[in-house]
Structures are given as structure tokens and as C-alpha cells.
């Protein structure tokens, strides 16, 4: 994810990933449901072929209805 910081303290987020409630996310200690994750917690990402812990910097939530 690329983050651009501006002088007005706003952020531009690119490549945001979305998960459904109940999705289990790996952390260095154990797995947590995605809806329980908070900024500052560490999650495992897979960069350059291996698991790397990275801190969460932002969490958002939005409801969407399916278009059938």
C-alpha cells in the first residue's frame, strides 16, 4: 500500500484491501477476526516470499448491498 502524506495531515491510500466480517487475519501471536483489528496491532503480510509483521495504520468499515 502506498501512502502519500500531505501538509494538511490528510492521507491518500492506494491498494486498500477489503475483507468480510469473520475473516481470520494472521498476527505474530495468533489469528483474529478482521473486525477486531485496530490501528497499532501487528499483522503478518507476505512480502518478498516470506511472512513479515507490519503494524496496522488505518481501519475502516463500510456496509455494501449486493447488486444482483
PDB file of N, CA and C in Angstrom:
ATOM      1  N   UNK A   1       0.837  -1.159   0.000  1.00  0.00           N
ATOM      2  CA  UNK A   1       0.000   0.000   0.000  1.00  0.00           C
ATOM      3  C   UNK A   1       0.888   1.229   0.000  1.00  0.00           C
ATOM      4  N   UNK A   2       0.581   2.150  -0.850  1.00  0.00           N
ATOM      5  CA  UNK A   2       1.296   3.411  -0.855  1.00  0.00           C
ATOM      6  C   UNK A   2       0.490   4.442  -0.096  1.00  0.00           C
ATOM      7  N   UNK A   3       1.168   5.240   0.694  1.00  0.00           N
ATOM      8  CA  UNK A   3       0.507   6.298   1.444  1.00  0.00           C
ATOM      9  C   UNK A   3       1.221   7.601   1.142  1.00  0.00           C
ATOM     10  N   UNK A   4       0.458   8.570   0.678  1.00  0.00           N
ATOM     11  CA  UNK A   4       1.009   9.899   0.435  1.00  0.00           C
ATOM     12  C   UNK A   4       0.535  10.802   1.559  1.00  0.00           C
ATOM     13  N   UNK A   5       1.452  11.460   2.256  1.00  0.00           N
ATOM     14  CA  UNK A   5       1.106  12.379   3.332  1.00  0.00           C
ATOM     15  C   UNK A   5       1.172  13.805   2.805  1.00  0.00           C
ATOM     16  N   UNK A   6       0.141  14.570   3.099  1.00  0.00           N
ATOM     17  CA  UNK A   6       0.061  15.944   2.645  1.00  0.00           C
ATOM     18  C   UNK A   6       0.256  16.887   3.827  1.00  0.00           C
ATOM     19  N   UNK A   7       0.562  18.145   3.535  1.00  0.00           N
ATOM     20  CA  UNK A   7       0.827  19.112   4.596  1.00  0.00           C
ATOM     21  C   UNK A   7      -0.398  19.378   5.461  1.00  0.00           C
ATOM     22  N   UNK A   8      -1.611  19.107   4.952  1.00  0.00           N
ATOM     23  CA  UNK A   8      -2.812  19.307   5.768  1.00  0.00           C
ATOM     24  C   UNK A   8      -3.112  18.082   6.631  1.00  0.00           C
ATOM     25  N   UNK A   9      -2.165  17.141   6.723  1.00  0.00           N
ATOM     26  CA  UNK A   9      -2.242  15.921   7.542  1.00  0.00           C
ATOM     27  C   UNK A   9      -3.220  14.887   6.990  1.00  0.00           C
ATOM     28  N   UNK A  10      -3.712  15.055   5.776  1.00  0.00           N
ATOM     29  CA  UNK A  10      -4.576  14.052   5.169  1.00  0.00           C
ATOM     30  C   UNK A  10      -3.703  12.972   4.519  1.00  0.00           C
ATOM     31  N   UNK A  11      -4.325  11.848   4.231  1.00  0.00           N
ATOM     32  CA  UNK A  11      -3.612  10.734   3.624  1.00  0.00           C
ATOM     33  C   UNK A  11      -4.306  10.308   2.342  1.00  0.00           C
ATOM     34  N   UNK A  12      -3.556   9.823   1.385  1.00  0.00           N
ATOM     35  CA  UNK A  12      -4.088   9.212   0.178  1.00  0.00           C
ATOM     36  C   UNK A  12      -3.696   7.746   0.234  1.00  0.00           C
ATOM     37  N   UNK A  13      -4.686   6.864   0.326  1.00  0.00           N
ATOM     38  CA  UNK A  13      -4.431   5.431   0.402  1.00  0.00           C
ATOM     39  C   UNK A  13      -4.644   4.801  -0.962  1.00  0.00           C
ATOM     40  N   UNK A  14      -3.744   3.948  -1.362  1.00  0.00           N
ATOM     41  CA  UNK A  14      -3.873   3.207  -2.603  1.00  0.00           C
ATOM     42  C   UNK A  14      -3.801   1.721  -2.281  1.00  0.00           C
ATOM     43  N   UNK A  15      -4.454   0.913  -3.096  1.00  0.00           N
ATOM     44  CA  UNK A  15      -4.423  -0.540  -2.923  1.00  0.00           C
ATOM     45  C   UNK A  15      -5.001  -0.981  -1.581  1.00  0.00           C
ATOM     46  N   UNK A  16      -6.163  -0.462  -1.228  1.00  0.00           N
ATOM     47  CA  UNK A  16      -6.826  -0.863   0.008  1.00  0.00           C
ATOM     48  C   UNK A  16      -7.461  -2.238  -0.198  1.00  0.00           C
ATOM     49  N   UNK A  17      -7.274  -3.124   0.762  1.00  0.00           N
ATOM     50  CA  UNK A  17      -7.800  -4.484   0.695  1.00  0.00           C
ATOM     51  C   UNK A  17      -9.017  -4.578   1.605  1.00  0.00           C
ATOM     52  N   UNK A  18     -10.071  -5.259   1.132  1.00  0.00           N
ATOM     53  CA  UNK A  18     -11.293  -5.417   1.918  1.00  0.00           C
ATOM     54  C   UNK A  18     -11.496  -6.881   2.304  1.00  0.00           C
ATOM     55  N   UNK A  19     -12.077  -7.096   3.489  1.00  0.00           N
ATOM     56  CA  UNK A  19     -12.376  -8.434   3.986  1.00  0.00           C
ATOM     57  C   UNK A  19     -13.806  -8.462   4.503  1.00  0.00           C
ATOM     58  N   UNK A  20     -14.453  -9.613   4.431  1.00  0.00           N
ATOM     59  CA  UNK A  20     -15.776  -9.787   5.011  1.00  0.00           C
ATOM     60  C   UNK A  20     -15.657 -10.027   6.509  1.00  0.00           C
ATOM     61  N   UNK A  21     -16.672  -9.616   7.301  1.00  0.00           N
ATOM     62  CA  UNK A  21     -16.646  -9.902   8.736  1.00  0.00           C
ATOM     63  C   UNK A  21     -16.449 -11.402   8.975  1.00  0.00           C
ATOM     64  N   UNK A  22     -15.653 -11.719   9.962  1.00  0.00           N
ATOM     65  CA  UNK A  22     -15.368 -13.113  10.277  1.00  0.00           C
ATOM     66  C   UNK A  22     -14.112 -13.640   9.607  1.00  0.00           C
ATOM     67  N   UNK A  23     -13.574 -12.893   8.623  1.00  0.00           N
ATOM     68  CA  UNK A  23     -12.317 -13.320   8.005  1.00  0.00           C
ATOM     69  C   UNK A  23     -11.222 -13.317   9.061  1.00  0.00           C
ATOM     70  N   UNK A  24     -10.461 -14.394   9.118  1.00  0.00           N
ATOM     71  CA  UNK A  24      -9.398 -14.520  10.111  1.00  0.00           C
ATOM     72  C   UNK A  24      -8.089 -13.990   9.524  1.00  0.00           C
ATOM     73  N   UNK A  25      -7.427 -13.126  10.287  1.00  0.00           N
ATOM     74  CA  UNK A  25      -6.193 -12.476   9.862  1.00  0.00           C
ATOM     75  C   UNK A  25      -5.063 -12.924  10.782  1.00  0.00           C
ATOM     76  N   UNK A  26      -3.949 -13.344  10.197  1.00  0.00           N
ATOM     77  CA  UNK A  26      -2.798 -13.824  10.975  1.00  0.00           C
ATOM     78  C   UNK A  26      -2.035 -12.653  11.584  1.00  0.00           C
ATOM     79  N   UNK A  27      -1.700 -12.804  12.863  1.00  0.00           N
ATOM     80  CA  UNK A  27      -0.827 -11.864  13.562  1.00  0.00           C
ATOM     81  C   UNK A  27       0.382 -12.653  14.044  1.00  0.00           C
ATOM     82  N   UNK A  28       1.418 -12.008  14.525  1.00  0.00           N
ATOM     83  CA  UNK A  28       2.554 -12.769  15.039  1.00  0.00           C
ATOM     84  C   UNK A  28       2.177 -13.718  16.180  1.00  0.00           C
ATOM     85  N   UNK A  29       1.107 -13.414  16.929  1.00  0.00           N
ATOM     86  CA  UNK A  29       0.731 -14.243  18.078  1.00  0.00           C
ATOM     87  C   UNK A  29      -0.313 -15.302  17.719  1.00  0.00           C
ATOM     88  N   UNK A  30      -1.376 -14.894  17.018  1.00  0.00           N
ATOM     89  CA  UNK A  30      -2.485 -15.798  16.691  1.00  0.00           C
ATOM     90  C   UNK A  30      -3.345 -15.154  15.612  1.00  0.00           C
ATOM     91  N   UNK A  31      -4.426 -15.833  15.230  1.00  0.00           N
ATOM     92  CA  UNK A  31      -5.356 -15.263  14.251  1.00  0.00           C
ATOM     93  C   UNK A  31      -6.478 -14.516  14.966  1.00  0.00           C
ATOM     94  N   UNK A  32      -6.909 -13.401  14.354  1.00  0.00           N
ATOM     95  CA  UNK A  32      -8.002 -12.594  14.886  1.00  0.00           C
ATOM     96  C   UNK A  32      -9.027 -12.373  13.788  1.00  0.00           C
ATOM     97  N   UNK A  33     -10.305 -12.261  14.174  1.00  0.00           N
ATOM     98  CA  UNK A  33     -11.336 -11.867  13.206  1.00  0.00           C
ATOM     99  C   UNK A  33     -11.042 -10.441  12.767  1.00  0.00           C
ATOM    100  N   UNK A  34     -11.193 -10.170  11.485  1.00  0.00           N
ATOM    101  CA  UNK A  34     -10.820  -8.877  10.927  1.00  0.00           C
ATOM    102  C   UNK A  34     -11.508  -7.713  11.635  1.00  0.00           C
ATOM    103  N   UNK A  35     -12.746  -7.904  12.090  1.00  0.00           N
ATOM    104  CA  UNK A  35     -13.474  -6.801  12.719  1.00  0.00           C
ATOM    105  C   UNK A  35     -12.940  -6.449  14.106  1.00  0.00           C
ATOM    106  N   UNK A  36     -12.036  -7.270  14.662  1.00  0.00           N
ATOM    107  CA  UNK A  36     -11.460  -6.969  15.972  1.00  0.00           C
ATOM    108  C   UNK A  36     -10.104  -6.267  15.868  1.00  0.00           C
ATOM    109  N   UNK A  37      -9.575  -6.130  14.662  1.00  0.00           N
ATOM    110  CA  UNK A  37      -8.275  -5.499  14.475  1.00  0.00           C
ATOM    111  C   UNK A  37      -8.380  -3.988  14.658  1.00  0.00           C
ATOM    112  N   UNK A  38      -7.325  -3.385  15.205  1.00  0.00           N
ATOM    113  CA  UNK A  38      -7.281  -1.953  15.477  1.00  0.00           C
ATOM    114  C   UNK A  38      -5.924  -1.396  15.056  1.00  0.00           C
ATOM    115  N   UNK A  39      -5.867  -0.084  14.741  1.00  0.00           N
ATOM    116  CA  UNK A  39      -4.571   0.531  14.452  1.00  0.00           C
ATOM    117  C   UNK A  39      -3.576   0.281  15.585  1.00  0.00           C
ATOM    118  N   UNK A  40      -2.351   0.013  15.204  1.00  0.00           N
ATOM    119  CA  UNK A  40      -1.303  -0.281  16.174  1.00  0.00           C
ATOM    120  C   UNK A  40      -1.056  -1.768  16.352  1.00  0.00           C
ATOM    121  N   UNK A  41      -2.061  -2.598  16.039  1.00  0.00           N
ATOM    122  CA  UNK A  41      -1.858  -4.049  16.104  1.00  0.00           C
ATOM    123  C   UNK A  41      -0.971  -4.461  14.932  1.00  0.00           C
ATOM    124  N   UNK A  42      -0.273  -5.557  15.087  1.00  0.00           N
ATOM    125  CA  UNK A  42       0.608  -6.059  14.043  1.00  0.00           C
ATOM    126  C   UNK A  42      -0.043  -7.260  13.354  1.00  0.00           C
ATOM    127  N   UNK A  43       0.024  -7.291  12.020  1.00  0.00           N
ATOM    128  CA  UNK A  43      -0.484  -8.416  11.239  1.00  0.00           C
ATOM    129  C   UNK A  43       0.646  -8.940  10.357  1.00  0.00           C
ATOM    130  N   UNK A  44       0.502 -10.185   9.917  1.00  0.00           N
ATOM    131  CA  UNK A  44       1.517 -10.763   9.037  1.00  0.00           C
ATOM    132  C   UNK A  44       1.155 -10.486   7.586  1.00  0.00           C
ATOM    133  N   UNK A  45       2.122  -9.978   6.842  1.00  0.00           N
ATOM    134  CA  UNK A  45       1.970  -9.786   5.403  1.00  0.00           C
ATOM    135  C   UNK A  45       2.984 -10.686   4.708  1.00  0.00           C
ATOM    136  N   UNK A  46       2.770 -10.956   3.457  1.00  0.00           N
ATOM    137  CA  UNK A  46       3.686 -11.809   2.717  1.00  0.00           C
ATOM    138  C   UNK A  46       4.383 -10.975   1.663  1.00  0.00           C
ATOM    139  N   UNK A  47       5.557 -10.493   2.028  1.00  0.00           N
ATOM    140  CA  UNK A  47       6.372  -9.657   1.152  1.00  0.00           C
ATOM    141  C   UNK A  47       7.653 -10.387   0.811  1.00  0.00           C
ATOM    142  N   UNK A  48       8.003 -10.376  -0.444  1.00  0.00           N
ATOM    143  CA  UNK A  48       9.277 -10.955  -0.897  1.00  0.00           C
ATOM    144  C   UNK A  48       9.428 -12.418  -0.492  1.00  0.00           C
ATOM    145  N   UNK A  49       8.314 -13.163  -0.526  1.00  0.00           N
ATOM    146  CA  UNK A  49       8.371 -14.594  -0.301  1.00  0.00           C
ATOM    147  C   UNK A  49       8.313 -15.063   1.141  1.00  0.00           C
ATOM    148  N   UNK A  50       8.163 -14.152   2.099  1.00  0.00           N
ATOM    149  CA  UNK A  50       8.106 -14.575   3.495  1.00  0.00           C
ATOM    150  C   UNK A  50       7.140 -13.736   4.303  1.00  0.00           C
ATOM    151  N   UNK A  51       6.760 -14.248   5.467  1.00  0.00           N
ATOM    152  CA  UNK A  51       5.846 -13.535   6.355  1.00  0.00           C
ATOM    153  C   UNK A  51       6.591 -12.416   7.074  1.00  0.00           C
ATOM    154  N   UNK A  52       6.021 -11.219   7.009  1.00  0.00           N
ATOM    155  CA  UNK A  52       6.615 -10.043   7.636  1.00  0.00           C
ATOM    156  C   UNK A  52       5.568  -9.350   8.496  1.00  0.00           C
ATOM    157  N   UNK A  53       5.826  -9.121   9.792  1.00  0.00           N
ATOM    158  CA  UNK A  53       4.851  -8.388  10.600  1.00  0.00           C
ATOM    159  C   UNK A  53       4.869  -6.898  10.258  1.00  0.00           C
ATOM    160  N   UNK A  54       3.678  -6.323  10.124  1.00  0.00           N
ATOM    161  CA  UNK A  54       3.544  -4.881   9.874  1.00  0.00           C
ATOM    162  C   UNK A  54       2.414  -4.346  10.735  1.00  0.00           C
ATOM    163  N   UNK A  55       2.593  -3.125  11.217  1.00  0.00           N
ATOM    164  CA  UNK A  55       1.574  -2.502  12.049  1.00  0.00           C
ATOM    165  C   UNK A  55       0.424  -1.972  11.202  1.00  0.00           C
ATOM    166  N   UNK A  56      -0.791  -2.119  11.708  1.00  0.00           N
ATOM    167  CA  UNK A  56      -1.981  -1.555  11.063  1.00  0.00           C
ATOM    168  C   UNK A  56      -1.974  -0.056  11.320  1.00  0.00           C
ATOM    169  N   UNK A  57      -2.162   0.740  10.270  1.00  0.00           N
ATOM    170  CA  UNK A  57      -2.186   2.192  10.446  1.00  0.00           C
ATOM    171  C   UNK A  57      -3.583   2.774  10.287  1.00  0.00           C
ATOM    172  N   UNK A  58      -4.516   2.008   9.708  1.00  0.00           N
ATOM    173  CA  UNK A  58      -5.855   2.523   9.457  1.00  0.00           C
ATOM    174  C   UNK A  58      -6.828   1.364   9.351  1.00  0.00           C
ATOM    175  N   UNK A  59      -8.008   1.530   9.925  1.00  0.00           N
ATOM    176  CA  UNK A  59      -9.070   0.542   9.829  1.00  0.00           C
ATOM    177  C   UNK A  59     -10.349   1.271   9.443  1.00  0.00           C
ATOM    178  N   UNK A  60     -11.047   0.765   8.462  1.00  0.00           N
ATOM    179  CA  UNK A  60     -12.320   1.370   8.051  1.00  0.00           C
ATOM    180  C   UNK A  60     -13.387   0.309   7.911  1.00  0.00           C
ATOM    181  N   UNK A  61     -14.624   0.751   7.897  1.00  0.00           N
ATOM    182  CA  UNK A  61     -15.743  -0.175   7.780  1.00  0.00           C
ATOM    183  C   UNK A  61     -16.831   0.494   6.943  1.00  0.00           C
ATOM    184  N   UNK A  62     -17.392  -0.251   6.021  1.00  0.00           N
ATOM    185  CA  UNK A  62     -18.493   0.256   5.207  1.00  0.00           C
ATOM    186  C   UNK A  62     -19.399  -0.890   4.849  1.00  0.00           C
ATOM    187  N   UNK A  63     -20.690  -0.665   4.926  1.00  0.00           N
ATOM    188  CA  UNK A  63     -21.668  -1.679   4.525  1.00  0.00           C
ATOM    189  C   UNK A  63     -21.973  -1.527   3.041  1.00  0.00           C
ATOM    190  N   UNK A  64     -22.142  -2.633   2.393  1.00  0.00           N
ATOM    191  CA  UNK A  64     -22.475  -2.624   0.966  1.00  0.00           C
ATOM    192  C   UNK A  64     -23.583  -3.626   0.722  1.00  0.00           C
ATOM    193  N   UNK A  65     -24.474  -3.307  -0.188  1.00  0.00           N
ATOM    194  CA  UNK A  65     -25.517  -4.254  -0.542  1.00  0.00           C
ATOM    195  C   UNK A  65     -25.198  -4.856  -1.909  1.00  0.00           C
ATOM    196  N   UNK A  66     -25.468  -6.134  -2.085  1.00  0.00           N
ATOM    197  CA  UNK A  66     -25.153  -6.772  -3.361  1.00  0.00           C
ATOM    198  C   UNK A  66     -26.089  -6.290  -4.467  1.00  0.00           C
ATOM    199  N   UNK A  67     -25.540  -6.175  -5.650  1.00  0.00           N
ATOM    200  CA  UNK A  67     -26.330  -5.810  -6.832  1.00  0.00           C
ATOM    201  C   UNK A  67     -26.540  -7.082  -7.641  1.00  0.00           C
ATOM    202  N   UNK A  68     -27.704  -7.673  -7.526  1.00  0.00           N
ATOM    203  CA  UNK A  68     -27.969  -8.920  -8.224  1.00  0.00           C
ATOM    204  C   UNK A  68     -28.766  -8.678  -9.486  1.00  0.00           C
TER     205      UNK A  68
END
